[in-house]
């Protein structure tokens, strides 16, 4: 008996093609596949499974790749923005609370910047004694910078031992730069009062004179010289008590010499230290030597 050979790999006729396509196995596979696709579009269960798996295995995976780098860059940028906002807020608070240029310079760290509006600059500038204002800037130049429209904004930068102040115009150009040194500014007009007598201050040793003798010698000086001798009388006029003695410092610094005025009040002695121009003090000492 001859058996007909059947080709199981490639059907020959169209009928065999249709039978194979419409077989129960193929229809079952097709139905299951359709159900899977439809349910995925309807319920997103595949994404949820993948997401849950990635979430559970997140700690075990290495932090590399474009997504991790983008996340790190974003976190770093947010931290930088927060630091910049905090630094600007802190700089504004420092400017608002500063009572003098030396106070502002002491609170600004090296390389730190702060905006200083014109009105605030005027307040700090006018808080200086008259003899220190001229050391900051030429008064005529300052009037033009603040009131002549040459300055758009003022920026200060902290440095070691002082600060820099920049006057900037509308085209972002520096039209004036001022370099302030804390030692040059001194105490910015605050009262330098020393409890005790002149004998306790070594800088006045050997050059202490009775107040009457000192002011008699001062009255012999020309008027323009007396102006440079006692540059600011506010500290002296604010002190209570009787003026007893005056001391002249033995050393000069930045063109100034300290004068110490000893006051007695209610049984206590206090010395008020003020600055005087060096050249005027030397002329006064010549007169004092002739009087003594």
Protein backbone atom coordinates (compact mmCIF):
# COMPACT_ATOMS: atom_id res chain seq x y z
CA UNK A 1 0.00 0.00 0.00
CA UNK A 2 1.32 3.28 -1.04
CA UNK A 3 1.02 6.12 1.53
CA UNK A 4 0.66 9.64 0.31
CA UNK A 5 3.50 11.86 1.43
CA UNK A 6 2.39 15.02 3.23
CA UNK A 7 4.53 18.19 3.48
CA UNK A 8 4.28 19.53 7.06
CA UNK A 9 6.43 22.57 6.49
CA UNK A 10 4.90 24.28 3.51
CA UNK A 11 1.28 23.81 2.45
CA UNK A 12 0.73 23.28 -1.23
CA UNK A 13 -2.85 24.37 -1.75
CA UNK A 14 -4.87 27.34 -0.52
CA UNK A 15 -7.16 25.05 1.42
CA UNK A 16 -4.25 23.76 3.43
CA UNK A 17 -3.11 27.32 4.08
CA UNK A 18 -6.52 28.24 5.45
CA UNK A 19 -6.70 25.12 7.59
CA UNK A 20 -3.36 25.85 9.17
CA UNK A 21 -4.17 29.51 9.75
CA UNK A 22 -7.55 28.78 11.29
CA UNK A 23 -6.38 25.95 13.47
CA UNK A 24 -7.42 25.89 17.10
CA UNK A 25 -3.87 26.52 18.31
CA UNK A 26 -3.36 29.56 16.12
CA UNK A 27 -6.74 31.02 17.02
CA UNK A 28 -6.02 30.52 20.73
CA UNK A 29 -2.64 32.21 20.42
CA UNK A 30 -4.19 35.09 18.49
CA UNK A 31 -6.97 35.52 21.05
CA UNK A 32 -4.58 35.51 23.98
CA UNK A 33 -2.34 38.02 22.21
CA UNK A 34 -5.27 40.34 21.50
CA UNK A 35 -6.45 40.11 25.09
CA UNK A 36 -2.97 40.98 26.34
CA UNK A 37 -2.70 44.01 24.05
CA UNK A 38 -6.20 45.27 24.82
CA UNK A 39 -5.74 44.88 28.56
CA UNK A 40 -2.37 46.64 28.41
CA UNK A 41 -3.87 49.64 26.61
CA UNK A 42 -6.81 49.65 29.03
CA UNK A 43 -5.10 49.08 32.39
CA UNK A 44 -1.37 49.82 31.74
CA UNK A 45 -0.45 46.79 33.79
CA UNK A 46 2.84 46.24 31.96
CA UNK A 47 4.10 49.75 32.79
CA UNK A 48 2.99 49.30 36.37
CA UNK A 49 4.86 46.01 36.67
CA UNK A 50 8.00 47.48 35.16
CA UNK A 51 7.72 50.57 37.37
CA UNK A 52 7.28 48.50 40.51
CA UNK A 53 10.25 46.35 39.60
CA UNK A 54 12.44 49.39 38.91
CA UNK A 55 11.31 51.00 42.17
CA UNK A 56 12.11 47.91 44.21
CA UNK A 57 15.48 47.41 42.55
CA UNK A 58 16.38 51.13 42.49
CA UNK A 59 18.81 50.98 45.42
CA UNK A 60 20.67 48.03 43.93
CA UNK A 61 21.29 49.66 40.55
CA UNK A 62 24.39 51.83 39.97
CA UNK A 63 23.81 55.60 39.71
CA UNK A 64 25.05 56.13 36.19
CA UNK A 65 23.57 57.03 32.88
CA UNK A 66 21.96 60.11 31.35
CA UNK A 67 18.94 60.10 33.67
CA UNK A 68 21.07 59.99 36.81
CA UNK A 69 23.38 62.72 35.46
CA UNK A 70 20.43 64.96 34.63
CA UNK A 71 19.04 64.44 38.12
CA UNK A 72 22.36 65.28 39.75
CA UNK A 73 22.73 68.40 37.63
CA UNK A 74 19.24 69.54 38.60
CA UNK A 75 19.86 69.00 42.32
CA UNK A 76 23.19 70.84 42.08
CA UNK A 77 21.57 73.75 40.22
CA UNK A 78 18.80 74.03 42.82
CA UNK A 79 21.35 74.07 45.64
CA UNK A 80 23.35 76.77 43.86
CA UNK A 81 20.22 78.90 43.40
CA UNK A 82 19.34 78.49 47.07
CA UNK A 83 22.85 79.51 48.09
CA UNK A 84 22.77 82.55 45.80
CA UNK A 85 19.39 83.64 47.16
CA UNK A 86 20.58 83.15 50.74
CA UNK A 87 23.82 85.07 50.07
CA UNK A 88 21.89 87.96 48.51
CA UNK A 89 19.47 88.07 51.42
CA UNK A 90 22.34 87.99 53.91
CA UNK A 91 24.20 90.76 52.06
CA UNK A 92 21.07 92.93 52.07
CA UNK A 93 20.66 92.40 55.81
CA UNK A 94 24.30 93.34 56.42
CA UNK A 95 23.91 96.58 54.46
CA UNK A 96 20.70 97.50 56.30
CA UNK A 97 22.11 96.86 59.78
CA UNK A 98 25.63 98.25 59.32
CA UNK A 99 26.21 101.41 61.34
CA UNK A 100 29.45 102.44 59.65
CA UNK A 101 31.81 101.57 56.84
CA UNK A 102 34.08 99.69 59.23
CA UNK A 103 31.09 97.72 60.53
CA UNK A 104 30.06 96.86 56.97
CA UNK A 105 33.62 95.82 56.05
CA UNK A 106 33.88 93.66 59.16
CA UNK A 107 30.70 91.73 58.28
CA UNK A 108 31.49 91.23 54.59
CA UNK A 109 33.84 88.31 54.08
CA UNK A 110 36.63 88.44 51.48
CA UNK A 111 35.10 88.14 48.02
CA UNK A 112 31.52 88.71 49.21
CA UNK A 113 29.45 91.30 47.33
CA UNK A 114 26.60 93.56 48.41
CA UNK A 115 24.55 96.26 46.71
CA UNK A 116 24.74 99.63 48.43
CA UNK A 117 22.08 102.13 47.36
CA UNK A 118 22.88 105.83 47.24
CA UNK A 119 20.82 106.79 50.29
CA UNK A 120 22.50 104.12 52.44
CA UNK A 121 25.93 105.25 51.22
CA UNK A 122 25.09 108.83 52.24
CA UNK A 123 24.11 107.68 55.73
CA UNK A 124 27.34 105.73 56.22
CA UNK A 125 29.45 108.51 54.73
CA UNK A 126 27.92 111.24 56.88
CA UNK A 127 28.45 109.08 59.98
CA UNK A 128 32.20 109.54 59.50
CA UNK A 129 34.05 112.38 61.28
CA UNK A 130 34.86 115.30 59.04
CA UNK A 131 38.55 114.48 58.86
CA UNK A 132 37.82 110.91 57.70
CA UNK A 133 35.34 111.88 54.99
CA UNK A 134 38.12 113.46 52.97
CA UNK A 135 40.08 110.21 53.16
CA UNK A 136 37.23 108.29 51.54
CA UNK A 137 36.83 110.47 48.46
CA UNK A 138 37.18 114.00 47.18
CA UNK A 139 33.91 115.68 48.33
CA UNK A 140 33.40 117.47 45.01
CA UNK A 141 33.78 114.21 43.10
CA UNK A 142 31.38 112.47 45.47
CA UNK A 143 28.68 115.12 45.00
CA UNK A 144 28.84 114.59 41.25
CA UNK A 145 28.72 110.80 41.55
CA UNK A 146 25.72 110.78 43.86
CA UNK A 147 23.70 113.71 42.51
CA UNK A 148 24.93 114.30 38.97
CA UNK A 149 23.52 111.17 37.36
CA UNK A 150 26.94 109.59 36.76
CA UNK A 151 26.20 106.58 38.99
CA UNK A 152 23.54 103.97 38.36
CA UNK A 153 24.35 101.69 41.31
CA UNK A 154 26.97 101.16 44.02
CA UNK A 155 28.49 97.76 44.79
CA UNK A 156 30.84 96.90 47.64
CA UNK A 157 33.18 93.91 47.87
CA UNK A 158 34.73 92.61 51.09
CA UNK A 159 38.46 92.02 51.34
CA UNK A 160 41.00 91.30 54.04
CA UNK A 161 41.26 94.34 56.32
CA UNK A 162 38.64 96.43 54.53
CA UNK A 163 36.47 96.59 51.44
CA UNK A 164 36.20 98.05 47.95
CA UNK A 165 33.35 100.26 46.75
CA UNK A 166 32.55 100.51 43.03
CA UNK A 167 30.43 103.27 41.46
CA UNK A 168 28.91 101.82 38.27
CA UNK A 169 27.12 103.73 35.50
CA UNK A 170 24.18 102.68 33.33
CA UNK A 171 26.51 100.94 30.85
CA UNK A 172 27.90 98.71 33.61
CA UNK A 173 31.24 100.54 33.66
CA UNK A 174 33.13 101.37 36.84
CA UNK A 175 33.39 105.16 36.96
CA UNK A 176 34.96 105.32 40.43
CA UNK A 177 36.61 102.81 42.77
CA UNK A 178 37.25 103.42 46.45
CA UNK A 179 39.47 101.15 48.53
CA UNK A 180 38.68 101.51 52.24
CA UNK A 181 40.98 100.20 54.94
CA UNK A 182 39.54 99.50 58.40
CA UNK A 183 42.65 100.84 60.13
CA UNK A 184 42.48 104.06 58.13
CA UNK A 185 38.81 104.51 59.01
CA UNK A 186 39.64 104.01 62.67
CA UNK A 187 36.58 103.83 64.87
CA UNK A 188 34.36 105.66 62.33
CA UNK A 189 33.52 108.42 64.76
CA UNK A 190 32.60 106.21 67.68
CA UNK A 191 33.91 107.56 70.97
CA UNK A 192 37.36 106.21 71.88
CA UNK A 193 37.15 106.46 75.66
CA UNK A 194 39.75 104.92 77.98
CA UNK A 195 38.89 104.53 81.67
CA UNK A 196 41.60 105.90 83.94
CA UNK A 197 44.17 108.63 83.51
CA UNK A 198 46.73 109.56 80.87
CA UNK A 199 49.41 107.96 83.02
CA UNK A 200 47.92 104.56 82.15
CA UNK A 201 48.42 105.09 78.41
CA UNK A 202 52.10 104.51 77.39
CA UNK A 203 51.68 106.37 74.10
CA UNK A 204 51.37 109.71 75.99
CA UNK A 205 54.34 109.14 78.32
CA UNK A 206 56.51 112.25 78.70
CA UNK A 207 54.10 114.46 76.71
CA UNK A 208 51.28 115.20 79.14
CA UNK A 209 50.40 118.88 79.70
CA UNK A 210 47.95 120.76 81.93
CA UNK A 211 44.79 121.62 80.04
CA UNK A 212 45.25 125.37 80.56
CA UNK A 213 48.78 125.26 79.15
CA UNK A 214 47.66 123.15 76.17
CA UNK A 215 44.82 125.45 75.14
CA UNK A 216 46.96 128.54 75.66
CA UNK A 217 49.42 127.09 73.17
CA UNK A 218 46.58 126.20 70.78
CA UNK A 219 45.31 129.79 70.87
CA UNK A 220 48.71 130.96 69.59
CA UNK A 221 48.41 128.89 66.41
CA UNK A 222 46.88 130.27 63.18
CA UNK A 223 43.19 129.60 62.63
CA UNK A 224 43.68 127.15 59.74
CA UNK A 225 46.13 125.18 61.88
CA UNK A 226 43.69 124.97 64.82
CA UNK A 227 41.08 123.49 62.49
CA UNK A 228 43.45 120.64 61.62
CA UNK A 229 44.45 120.19 65.23
CA UNK A 230 41.03 119.27 66.63
CA UNK A 231 39.19 117.99 63.59
CA UNK A 232 35.98 116.88 65.28
CA UNK A 233 34.87 118.25 68.65
CA UNK A 234 31.78 116.03 69.01
CA UNK A 235 33.48 113.46 71.26
CA UNK A 236 34.96 116.17 73.48
CA UNK A 237 31.74 118.13 73.81
CA UNK A 238 29.81 114.95 74.62
CA UNK A 239 32.01 114.16 77.63
CA UNK A 240 30.90 115.34 81.08
CA UNK A 241 33.26 116.64 83.73
CA UNK A 242 36.21 119.00 83.98
CA UNK A 243 39.09 118.81 81.54
CA UNK A 244 42.26 118.29 83.58
CA UNK A 245 45.18 117.32 81.31
CA UNK A 246 45.98 116.71 77.62
CA UNK A 247 48.43 114.16 76.24
CA UNK A 248 50.13 114.09 72.84
CA UNK A 249 50.95 110.68 71.37
CA UNK A 250 54.56 109.78 70.63
CA UNK A 251 53.81 108.18 67.24
CA UNK A 252 52.03 109.11 64.04
CA UNK A 253 49.99 106.89 61.72
CA UNK A 254 48.64 107.73 58.26
CA UNK A 255 49.31 111.45 58.82
CA UNK A 256 47.50 111.62 62.17
CA UNK A 257 48.59 111.79 65.80
CA UNK A 258 46.37 110.90 68.75
CA UNK A 259 45.55 113.48 71.40
CA UNK A 260 44.28 112.30 74.76
CA UNK A 261 41.98 114.56 76.81
CA UNK A 262 41.64 113.58 80.48
CA UNK A 263 38.28 114.40 82.10
CA UNK A 264 37.39 114.13 85.79
CA UNK A 265 33.76 113.56 86.75
CA UNK A 266 32.30 112.37 90.07
CA UNK A 267 35.70 111.23 91.31
CA UNK A 268 36.46 109.17 88.18
CA UNK A 269 38.89 109.88 85.33
CA UNK A 270 38.37 109.11 81.66
CA UNK A 271 40.55 109.76 78.62
CA UNK A 272 38.95 110.67 75.29
CA UNK A 273 41.26 109.97 72.35
CA UNK A 274 40.85 112.03 69.16
CA UNK A 275 42.93 112.34 65.99
CA UNK A 276 44.80 115.44 64.88
CA UNK A 277 46.78 116.29 61.75
CA UNK A 278 50.44 115.45 62.15
CA UNK A 279 51.80 118.72 60.83
CA UNK A 280 49.56 120.78 63.15
CA UNK A 281 50.62 118.72 66.19
CA UNK A 282 54.31 119.27 65.45
CA UNK A 283 53.73 123.03 65.31
CA UNK A 284 51.83 122.80 68.59
CA UNK A 285 54.64 120.88 70.32
CA UNK A 286 57.07 123.64 69.36
CA UNK A 287 54.81 126.18 71.05
CA UNK A 288 54.37 123.90 74.08
CA UNK A 289 58.13 123.53 74.49
CA UNK A 290 58.44 127.30 74.52
CA UNK A 291 55.65 127.65 77.07
CA UNK A 292 56.83 124.92 79.44
